[in-house]
Amino acid sequence: MSAQLDLAAFLPYRLSIASNAVSDRIASHYQARFGLSIPAWRLMAVLGQGGAMSQRELVHATRMDKVTVSRASAALVERALVTREASHSDGRSHHLALTPAGRSLYEEIAPAALAIEARLLEGLTEAERAQLASLLDRLRDAADALI
């Protein structure tokens, strides 16, 4: 007899549903207020925090696939929020960086993102927030170890 899969209790499904619920709520806010998709905002957030990066580095940092990163970066370049420059060490590679307009938008969005996060977490105690962060890190590490 085969094992029965109960989606309501299956961790990968529950994580995906929770992630989609949070992302959908945030996406509607970012799209309405700033005209950004979630992938575009993720790229801006990573570039805003870490500086110029190659698309390969962005794929790794965001855990988004190459096509999603490529489309989001193209949209940001088209809006003049990000520059795309050839790498000095490898002409085939390009580095992306926020433009002054991109940096300004990032600095406007970051407080809004933090406010949304605060609202999501307001029902948790400080200890629960710390525990959630720790558990998410451990789950990510366990998933990485499976590869």
N, C-alpha and C. Protein backbone atom coordinates (compact mmCIF):
# COMPACT_ATOMS: atom_id res chain seq x y z
N MET A 1 0.85 -1.17 0.00
CA MET A 1 0.00 0.00 0.00
C MET A 1 0.90 1.24 0.00
N SER A 2 0.55 2.22 -0.84
CA SER A 2 1.37 3.42 -0.93
C SER A 2 1.00 4.42 0.17
N ALA A 3 1.96 5.25 0.50
CA ALA A 3 1.74 6.29 1.51
C ALA A 3 0.75 7.32 0.97
N GLN A 4 -0.09 7.79 1.85
CA GLN A 4 -1.08 8.81 1.49
C GLN A 4 -0.50 10.19 1.75
N LEU A 5 -0.57 11.07 0.78
CA LEU A 5 -0.06 12.42 0.93
C LEU A 5 -1.18 13.34 1.40
N ASP A 6 -0.99 13.94 2.56
CA ASP A 6 -1.95 14.91 3.10
C ASP A 6 -1.37 16.30 2.89
N LEU A 7 -1.83 16.99 1.84
CA LEU A 7 -1.27 18.29 1.51
C LEU A 7 -1.36 19.29 2.65
N ALA A 8 -2.42 19.23 3.43
CA ALA A 8 -2.59 20.18 4.54
C ALA A 8 -1.48 20.04 5.58
N ALA A 9 -0.82 18.89 5.61
CA ALA A 9 0.25 18.65 6.58
C ALA A 9 1.63 18.54 5.91
N PHE A 10 1.68 18.61 4.58
CA PHE A 10 2.92 18.42 3.83
C PHE A 10 3.71 19.73 3.83
N LEU A 11 4.88 19.73 4.49
CA LEU A 11 5.65 20.95 4.70
C LEU A 11 5.95 21.73 3.42
N PRO A 12 6.45 21.11 2.36
CA PRO A 12 6.72 21.91 1.15
C PRO A 12 5.47 22.62 0.62
N TYR A 13 4.35 21.97 0.66
CA TYR A 13 3.10 22.58 0.21
C TYR A 13 2.71 23.74 1.12
N ARG A 14 2.79 23.53 2.42
CA ARG A 14 2.42 24.59 3.38
C ARG A 14 3.34 25.80 3.25
N LEU A 15 4.64 25.57 3.06
CA LEU A 15 5.57 26.67 2.87
C LEU A 15 5.25 27.44 1.58
N SER A 16 4.95 26.71 0.53
CA SER A 16 4.61 27.33 -0.74
C SER A 16 3.34 28.17 -0.63
N ILE A 17 2.32 27.65 0.02
CA ILE A 17 1.06 28.38 0.20
C ILE A 17 1.30 29.64 1.04
N ALA A 18 2.05 29.51 2.12
CA ALA A 18 2.33 30.67 2.97
C ALA A 18 3.14 31.71 2.19
N SER A 19 4.16 31.26 1.47
CA SER A 19 4.98 32.17 0.67
C SER A 19 4.15 32.88 -0.39
N ASN A 20 3.30 32.14 -1.07
CA ASN A 20 2.45 32.75 -2.10
C ASN A 20 1.48 33.75 -1.49
N ALA A 21 0.93 33.46 -0.34
CA ALA A 21 -0.01 34.38 0.31
C ALA A 21 0.70 35.69 0.65
N VAL A 22 1.89 35.60 1.20
CA VAL A 22 2.66 36.80 1.55
C VAL A 22 3.07 37.54 0.27
N SER A 23 3.62 36.80 -0.69
CA SER A 23 4.06 37.42 -1.94
C SER A 23 2.92 38.08 -2.69
N ASP A 24 1.76 37.43 -2.74
CA ASP A 24 0.61 38.00 -3.44
C ASP A 24 0.18 39.32 -2.80
N ARG A 25 0.17 39.37 -1.48
CA ARG A 25 -0.23 40.59 -0.77
C ARG A 25 0.77 41.71 -1.04
N ILE A 26 2.04 41.37 -0.96
CA ILE A 26 3.08 42.36 -1.20
C ILE A 26 3.10 42.78 -2.66
N ALA A 27 2.94 41.82 -3.57
CA ALA A 27 2.97 42.12 -5.00
C ALA A 27 1.91 43.13 -5.39
N SER A 28 0.72 42.98 -4.84
CA SER A 28 -0.34 43.93 -5.19
C SER A 28 0.03 45.33 -4.71
N HIS A 29 0.68 45.43 -3.57
CA HIS A 29 1.11 46.73 -3.04
C HIS A 29 2.22 47.33 -3.91
N TYR A 30 3.26 46.54 -4.21
CA TYR A 30 4.37 47.03 -5.02
C TYR A 30 3.92 47.41 -6.43
N GLN A 31 3.03 46.60 -7.00
CA GLN A 31 2.55 46.87 -8.36
C GLN A 31 1.73 48.15 -8.39
N ALA A 32 0.81 48.29 -7.44
CA ALA A 32 -0.06 49.46 -7.43
C ALA A 32 0.70 50.74 -7.12
N ARG A 33 1.59 50.69 -6.16
CA ARG A 33 2.27 51.90 -5.71
C ARG A 33 3.53 52.24 -6.51
N PHE A 34 4.27 51.22 -6.95
CA PHE A 34 5.56 51.46 -7.57
C PHE A 34 5.70 50.88 -8.98
N GLY A 35 4.70 50.13 -9.43
CA GLY A 35 4.76 49.52 -10.76
C GLY A 35 5.81 48.44 -10.88
N LEU A 36 6.09 47.73 -9.78
CA LEU A 36 7.11 46.69 -9.77
C LEU A 36 6.52 45.32 -9.50
N SER A 37 7.03 44.33 -10.21
CA SER A 37 6.68 42.94 -9.91
C SER A 37 7.53 42.48 -8.72
N ILE A 38 7.16 41.37 -8.13
CA ILE A 38 7.96 40.81 -7.03
C ILE A 38 9.38 40.49 -7.51
N PRO A 39 9.59 39.83 -8.67
CA PRO A 39 10.97 39.59 -9.09
C PRO A 39 11.77 40.88 -9.28
N ALA A 40 11.15 41.92 -9.83
CA ALA A 40 11.86 43.19 -10.02
C ALA A 40 12.24 43.79 -8.68
N TRP A 41 11.31 43.76 -7.72
CA TRP A 41 11.64 44.29 -6.40
C TRP A 41 12.74 43.48 -5.72
N ARG A 42 12.70 42.16 -5.87
CA ARG A 42 13.76 41.34 -5.27
C ARG A 42 15.13 41.72 -5.82
N LEU A 43 15.20 41.91 -7.14
CA LEU A 43 16.48 42.33 -7.72
C LEU A 43 16.91 43.68 -7.17
N MET A 44 15.97 44.63 -7.11
CA MET A 44 16.30 45.95 -6.59
C MET A 44 16.76 45.86 -5.14
N ALA A 45 16.10 45.02 -4.35
CA ALA A 45 16.46 44.89 -2.94
C ALA A 45 17.87 44.32 -2.79
N VAL A 46 18.19 43.29 -3.58
CA VAL A 46 19.52 42.68 -3.50
C VAL A 46 20.58 43.67 -3.98
N LEU A 47 20.31 44.35 -5.09
CA LEU A 47 21.27 45.34 -5.60
C LEU A 47 21.40 46.52 -4.65
N GLY A 48 20.29 46.91 -4.02
CA GLY A 48 20.32 48.02 -3.07
C GLY A 48 21.12 47.70 -1.84
N GLN A 49 21.11 46.45 -1.45
CA GLN A 49 21.84 46.03 -0.26
C GLN A 49 23.28 45.65 -0.57
N GLY A 50 23.50 45.00 -1.72
CA GLY A 50 24.81 44.44 -1.98
C GLY A 50 25.63 45.11 -3.06
N GLY A 51 25.07 46.05 -3.78
CA GLY A 51 25.82 46.69 -4.86
C GLY A 51 25.74 45.89 -6.14
N ALA A 52 26.56 46.26 -7.12
CA ALA A 52 26.54 45.65 -8.45
C ALA A 52 26.79 44.15 -8.38
N MET A 53 26.04 43.42 -9.23
CA MET A 53 26.17 41.96 -9.28
C MET A 53 25.92 41.48 -10.70
N SER A 54 26.47 40.31 -11.00
CA SER A 54 26.17 39.67 -12.29
C SER A 54 24.81 38.99 -12.19
N GLN A 55 24.26 38.66 -13.36
CA GLN A 55 22.98 37.95 -13.34
C GLN A 55 23.13 36.60 -12.64
N ARG A 56 24.26 35.95 -12.81
CA ARG A 56 24.50 34.67 -12.15
C ARG A 56 24.46 34.85 -10.63
N GLU A 57 25.11 35.91 -10.14
CA GLU A 57 25.09 36.18 -8.70
C GLU A 57 23.67 36.50 -8.22
N LEU A 58 22.91 37.20 -9.05
CA LEU A 58 21.53 37.52 -8.68
C LEU A 58 20.66 36.26 -8.64
N VAL A 59 20.88 35.34 -9.58
CA VAL A 59 20.15 34.06 -9.55
C VAL A 59 20.42 33.36 -8.22
N HIS A 60 21.68 33.32 -7.83
CA HIS A 60 22.05 32.66 -6.57
C HIS A 60 21.46 33.40 -5.36
N ALA A 61 21.57 34.72 -5.34
CA ALA A 61 21.13 35.50 -4.19
C ALA A 61 19.62 35.49 -4.01
N THR A 62 18.87 35.45 -5.11
CA THR A 62 17.41 35.54 -5.03
C THR A 62 16.71 34.19 -5.08
N ARG A 63 17.43 33.16 -5.49
CA ARG A 63 16.86 31.83 -5.69
C ARG A 63 15.78 31.82 -6.77
N MET A 64 15.85 32.79 -7.67
CA MET A 64 14.94 32.81 -8.82
C MET A 64 15.68 32.20 -10.00
N ASP A 65 14.93 31.65 -10.97
CA ASP A 65 15.58 31.04 -12.12
C ASP A 65 16.12 32.11 -13.06
N LYS A 66 17.00 31.69 -13.98
CA LYS A 66 17.69 32.61 -14.88
C LYS A 66 16.72 33.42 -15.73
N VAL A 67 15.67 32.79 -16.20
CA VAL A 67 14.70 33.48 -17.07
C VAL A 67 14.00 34.59 -16.29
N THR A 68 13.59 34.30 -15.07
CA THR A 68 12.91 35.30 -14.24
C THR A 68 13.83 36.47 -13.95
N VAL A 69 15.09 36.19 -13.61
CA VAL A 69 16.07 37.25 -13.35
C VAL A 69 16.30 38.06 -14.62
N SER A 70 16.43 37.40 -15.74
CA SER A 70 16.67 38.09 -17.00
C SER A 70 15.50 39.02 -17.36
N ARG A 71 14.29 38.53 -17.23
CA ARG A 71 13.11 39.36 -17.55
C ARG A 71 12.98 40.54 -16.60
N ALA A 72 13.17 40.28 -15.31
CA ALA A 72 13.05 41.36 -14.32
C ALA A 72 14.14 42.40 -14.53
N SER A 73 15.36 41.95 -14.80
CA SER A 73 16.46 42.91 -15.00
C SER A 73 16.22 43.71 -16.28
N ALA A 74 15.72 43.08 -17.33
CA ALA A 74 15.42 43.81 -18.57
C ALA A 74 14.37 44.89 -18.33
N ALA A 75 13.35 44.57 -17.55
CA ALA A 75 12.30 45.54 -17.24
C ALA A 75 12.87 46.70 -16.43
N LEU A 76 13.76 46.41 -15.51
CA LEU A 76 14.38 47.47 -14.69
C LEU A 76 15.33 48.34 -15.52
N VAL A 77 16.05 47.73 -16.44
CA VAL A 77 16.92 48.49 -17.34
C VAL A 77 16.07 49.40 -18.22
N GLU A 78 14.98 48.86 -18.73
CA GLU A 78 14.08 49.65 -19.59
C GLU A 78 13.51 50.86 -18.85
N ARG A 79 13.26 50.72 -17.56
CA ARG A 79 12.75 51.83 -16.75
C ARG A 79 13.86 52.73 -16.22
N ALA A 80 15.09 52.44 -16.61
CA ALA A 80 16.27 53.20 -16.17
C ALA A 80 16.45 53.17 -14.66
N LEU A 81 16.06 52.06 -14.04
CA LEU A 81 16.26 51.87 -12.61
C LEU A 81 17.54 51.08 -12.33
N VAL A 82 18.01 50.38 -13.36
CA VAL A 82 19.20 49.54 -13.26
C VAL A 82 20.03 49.73 -14.52
N THR A 83 21.35 49.73 -14.36
CA THR A 83 22.26 49.73 -15.51
C THR A 83 22.79 48.32 -15.71
N ARG A 84 23.13 48.03 -16.94
CA ARG A 84 23.70 46.73 -17.30
C ARG A 84 25.00 47.01 -18.05
N GLU A 85 26.13 46.67 -17.41
CA GLU A 85 27.44 46.94 -18.00
C GLU A 85 28.25 45.67 -18.13
N ALA A 86 28.99 45.56 -19.20
CA ALA A 86 29.85 44.39 -19.42
C ALA A 86 30.92 44.34 -18.33
N SER A 87 31.19 43.13 -17.89
CA SER A 87 32.24 42.91 -16.88
C SER A 87 33.60 43.17 -17.50
N HIS A 88 34.50 43.76 -16.74
CA HIS A 88 35.85 44.02 -17.23
C HIS A 88 36.64 42.72 -17.38
N SER A 89 36.35 41.75 -16.53
CA SER A 89 37.12 40.50 -16.55
C SER A 89 36.55 39.47 -17.52
N ASP A 90 35.25 39.59 -17.85
CA ASP A 90 34.61 38.61 -18.73
C ASP A 90 33.58 39.36 -19.59
N GLY A 91 33.91 39.61 -20.82
CA GLY A 91 33.05 40.37 -21.71
C GLY A 91 31.68 39.76 -21.93
N ARG A 92 31.54 38.44 -21.66
CA ARG A 92 30.24 37.78 -21.82
C ARG A 92 29.32 38.03 -20.63
N SER A 93 29.90 38.37 -19.51
CA SER A 93 29.14 38.60 -18.27
C SER A 93 28.81 40.08 -18.13
N HIS A 94 27.67 40.36 -17.53
CA HIS A 94 27.26 41.74 -17.29
C HIS A 94 26.97 41.94 -15.81
N HIS A 95 27.28 43.14 -15.36
CA HIS A 95 26.95 43.50 -13.99
C HIS A 95 25.78 44.47 -14.00
N LEU A 96 24.88 44.25 -13.08
CA LEU A 96 23.72 45.11 -12.92
C LEU A 96 23.92 45.94 -11.67
N ALA A 97 23.49 47.19 -11.72
CA ALA A 97 23.60 48.09 -10.57
C ALA A 97 22.44 49.07 -10.62
N LEU A 98 22.03 49.53 -9.45
CA LEU A 98 20.98 50.53 -9.40
C LEU A 98 21.49 51.85 -9.97
N THR A 99 20.65 52.52 -10.73
CA THR A 99 20.93 53.88 -11.18
C THR A 99 20.56 54.82 -10.04
N PRO A 100 20.88 56.10 -10.13
CA PRO A 100 20.42 57.03 -9.10
C PRO A 100 18.89 57.00 -8.93
N ALA A 101 18.15 56.88 -10.03
CA ALA A 101 16.69 56.77 -9.94
C ALA A 101 16.29 55.46 -9.25
N GLY A 102 17.02 54.38 -9.54
CA GLY A 102 16.76 53.10 -8.89
C GLY A 102 17.06 53.15 -7.41
N ARG A 103 18.16 53.80 -7.04
CA ARG A 103 18.52 53.95 -5.62
C ARG A 103 17.45 54.76 -4.90
N SER A 104 16.97 55.81 -5.53
CA SER A 104 15.93 56.65 -4.93
C SER A 104 14.64 55.85 -4.71
N LEU A 105 14.26 55.06 -5.72
CA LEU A 105 13.06 54.24 -5.58
C LEU A 105 13.26 53.18 -4.50
N TYR A 106 14.43 52.56 -4.46
CA TYR A 106 14.75 51.58 -3.42
C TYR A 106 14.59 52.20 -2.04
N GLU A 107 15.12 53.40 -1.87
CA GLU A 107 15.04 54.07 -0.57
C GLU A 107 13.61 54.47 -0.21
N GLU A 108 12.75 54.60 -1.20
CA GLU A 108 11.33 54.86 -0.94
C GLU A 108 10.59 53.56 -0.61
N ILE A 109 10.96 52.48 -1.29
CA ILE A 109 10.26 51.21 -1.09
C ILE A 109 10.67 50.50 0.19
N ALA A 110 11.95 50.58 0.55
CA ALA A 110 12.45 49.84 1.71
C ALA A 110 11.62 50.08 2.97
N PRO A 111 11.28 51.32 3.32
CA PRO A 111 10.45 51.52 4.51
C PRO A 111 9.05 50.89 4.36
N ALA A 112 8.50 50.93 3.15
CA ALA A 112 7.20 50.31 2.91
C ALA A 112 7.29 48.79 3.10
N ALA A 113 8.39 48.20 2.61
CA ALA A 113 8.59 46.76 2.77
C ALA A 113 8.72 46.39 4.24
N LEU A 114 9.46 47.20 4.98
CA LEU A 114 9.61 46.94 6.42
C LEU A 114 8.28 47.10 7.16
N ALA A 115 7.46 48.04 6.72
CA ALA A 115 6.15 48.23 7.36
C ALA A 115 5.24 47.02 7.10
N ILE A 116 5.29 46.48 5.88
CA ILE A 116 4.49 45.29 5.57
C ILE A 116 4.98 44.11 6.41
N GLU A 117 6.29 43.97 6.50
CA GLU A 117 6.86 42.88 7.31
C GLU A 117 6.40 43.02 8.76
N ALA A 118 6.43 44.22 9.30
CA ALA A 118 6.02 44.45 10.69
C ALA A 118 4.57 44.05 10.89
N ARG A 119 3.72 44.39 9.92
CA ARG A 119 2.30 44.01 10.03
C ARG A 119 2.13 42.50 9.99
N LEU A 120 2.91 41.82 9.16
CA LEU A 120 2.84 40.36 9.09
C LEU A 120 3.26 39.71 10.40
N LEU A 121 4.23 40.31 11.06
CA LEU A 121 4.81 39.71 12.27
C LEU A 121 4.20 40.22 13.57
N GLU A 122 3.27 41.16 13.49
CA GLU A 122 2.79 41.79 14.72
C GLU A 122 2.07 40.82 15.67
N GLY A 123 1.60 39.71 15.15
CA GLY A 123 0.94 38.72 16.01
C GLY A 123 1.90 37.76 16.70
N LEU A 124 3.19 37.91 16.44
CA LEU A 124 4.20 37.03 17.04
C LEU A 124 4.99 37.78 18.10
N THR A 125 5.36 37.07 19.14
CA THR A 125 6.23 37.65 20.16
C THR A 125 7.65 37.76 19.59
N GLU A 126 8.50 38.49 20.28
CA GLU A 126 9.91 38.59 19.86
C GLU A 126 10.56 37.21 19.82
N ALA A 127 10.26 36.38 20.82
CA ALA A 127 10.84 35.03 20.86
C ALA A 127 10.35 34.20 19.68
N GLU A 128 9.06 34.34 19.34
CA GLU A 128 8.52 33.59 18.19
C GLU A 128 9.13 34.08 16.89
N ARG A 129 9.37 35.38 16.79
CA ARG A 129 10.01 35.92 15.58
C ARG A 129 11.41 35.36 15.43
N ALA A 130 12.15 35.34 16.51
CA ALA A 130 13.52 34.80 16.48
C ALA A 130 13.49 33.30 16.15
N GLN A 131 12.54 32.60 16.73
CA GLN A 131 12.42 31.17 16.46
C GLN A 131 12.04 30.93 15.00
N LEU A 132 11.13 31.71 14.46
CA LEU A 132 10.73 31.59 13.06
C LEU A 132 11.94 31.81 12.15
N ALA A 133 12.70 32.86 12.41
CA ALA A 133 13.88 33.15 11.60
C ALA A 133 14.87 31.99 11.66
N SER A 134 15.09 31.46 12.84
CA SER A 134 16.01 30.34 13.01
C SER A 134 15.51 29.10 12.28
N LEU A 135 14.23 28.81 12.41
CA LEU A 135 13.67 27.63 11.76
C LEU A 135 13.73 27.76 10.24
N LEU A 136 13.44 28.94 9.71
CA LEU A 136 13.52 29.14 8.26
C LEU A 136 14.95 28.95 7.77
N ASP A 137 15.92 29.46 8.53
CA ASP A 137 17.33 29.27 8.16
C ASP A 137 17.69 27.79 8.17
N ARG A 138 17.24 27.08 9.17
CA ARG A 138 17.55 25.65 9.27
C ARG A 138 16.89 24.86 8.14
N LEU A 139 15.65 25.21 7.79
CA LEU A 139 14.98 24.53 6.68
C LEU A 139 15.69 24.81 5.36
N ARG A 140 16.12 26.05 5.14
CA ARG A 140 16.88 26.38 3.93
C ARG A 140 18.17 25.59 3.87
N ASP A 141 18.87 25.53 5.00
CA ASP A 141 20.13 24.78 5.05
C ASP A 141 19.89 23.29 4.79
N ALA A 142 18.83 22.75 5.35
CA ALA A 142 18.52 21.33 5.13
C ALA A 142 18.19 21.09 3.66
N ALA A 143 17.45 22.01 3.04
CA ALA A 143 17.12 21.87 1.62
C ALA A 143 18.40 21.94 0.78
N ASP A 144 19.30 22.85 1.13
CA ASP A 144 20.57 22.96 0.40
C ASP A 144 21.39 21.68 0.53
N ALA A 145 21.32 21.05 1.69
CA ALA A 145 22.09 19.82 1.91
C ALA A 145 21.54 18.64 1.09
N LEU A 146 20.29 18.71 0.68
CA LEU A 146 19.70 17.65 -0.11
C LEU A 146 20.19 17.64 -1.56
N ILE A 147 20.72 18.76 -1.98
CA ILE A 147 21.13 18.89 -3.39
C ILE A 147 22.35 18.08 -3.68
